[in-house]
Protein backbone atom coordinates (compact mmCIF):
# COMPACT_ATOMS: atom_id res chain seq x y z
CA MET A 1 31.56 -34.29 -2.80
CA ASN A 2 28.30 -34.50 -3.66
CA ASN A 3 27.53 -37.66 -5.73
CA ASP A 4 23.87 -37.05 -6.68
CA LYS A 5 25.27 -34.70 -9.65
CA PHE A 6 26.71 -37.43 -11.62
CA ILE A 7 25.41 -41.28 -12.63
CA ASN A 8 27.67 -44.16 -13.13
CA ALA A 9 27.43 -47.20 -15.18
CA LYS A 10 25.90 -49.33 -12.31
CA GLN A 11 23.37 -46.99 -11.73
CA ILE A 12 22.34 -46.47 -14.97
CA ALA A 13 22.11 -50.26 -15.53
CA GLN A 14 19.66 -50.58 -12.49
CA GLU A 15 17.55 -47.62 -13.70
CA LEU A 16 17.52 -49.36 -17.17
CA ASP A 17 17.28 -52.84 -16.16
CA ILE A 18 20.43 -53.41 -18.40
CA SER A 19 23.62 -54.98 -18.06
CA ASP A 20 26.85 -52.82 -16.38
CA SER A 21 28.87 -53.00 -19.76
CA TYR A 22 25.79 -51.74 -21.66
CA GLY A 23 25.61 -48.90 -19.10
CA TYR A 24 29.19 -47.83 -19.79
CA LYS A 25 28.58 -47.81 -23.60
CA ILE A 26 25.75 -45.47 -22.69
CA ILE A 27 27.95 -43.47 -20.80
CA ARG A 28 30.68 -43.21 -23.28
CA GLN A 29 27.88 -42.40 -25.80
CA LEU A 30 26.71 -39.36 -23.81
CA ASN A 31 29.85 -38.26 -22.65
CA ALA A 32 31.07 -38.05 -26.45
CA GLU A 33 28.00 -35.76 -27.14
CA LEU A 34 29.07 -33.60 -24.58
CA ARG A 35 32.42 -33.46 -25.52
CA ARG A 36 31.10 -32.47 -29.26
CA LYS A 37 29.08 -29.56 -27.25
CA GLY A 38 32.45 -28.33 -25.46
CA TYR A 39 31.97 -29.74 -21.86
CA ILE A 40 34.65 -31.48 -19.79
CA THR A 41 33.68 -34.90 -19.25
CA LEU A 42 34.42 -37.60 -16.22
CA ALA A 43 35.01 -41.55 -17.42
CA GLY A 44 32.87 -43.45 -15.98
CA ARG A 45 30.42 -41.24 -15.27
CA VAL A 46 27.95 -38.54 -16.69
CA SER A 47 25.90 -35.48 -15.36
CA ARG A 48 22.65 -37.21 -13.62
CA PRO A 49 20.50 -34.05 -15.27
CA TYR A 50 21.93 -34.99 -18.83
CA PHE A 51 21.31 -38.38 -18.58
CA TYR A 52 17.43 -38.19 -17.34
CA LYS A 53 17.02 -35.29 -20.38
CA ARG A 54 18.29 -37.75 -23.04
CA PHE A 55 16.48 -40.73 -21.62
CA TYR A 56 13.23 -39.40 -20.53
CA ASP A 57 12.64 -35.81 -21.66
CA GLU A 58 9.77 -36.01 -23.82
CA LYS A 59 9.42 -33.40 -26.48
CA LYS A 60 6.43 -32.19 -27.82
CA GLU A 61 5.58 -32.99 -31.42
CA ASP A 62 3.83 -30.12 -33.69
CA LYS A 63 0.60 -30.66 -34.73
């Protein structure tokens, strides 16, 4: 199984320089968003692309 598809709380904590417990909180929030959109989620893990989209995707503002 390829683990690159998902990111866990410890990896999020390292990426964002936060505590592991806050990493779990972020995963719960992102998984709740995905469930509202109709996706199936896994406890303690979130889609790596979705994580990066929500944290690093810069949206262009209309001028």
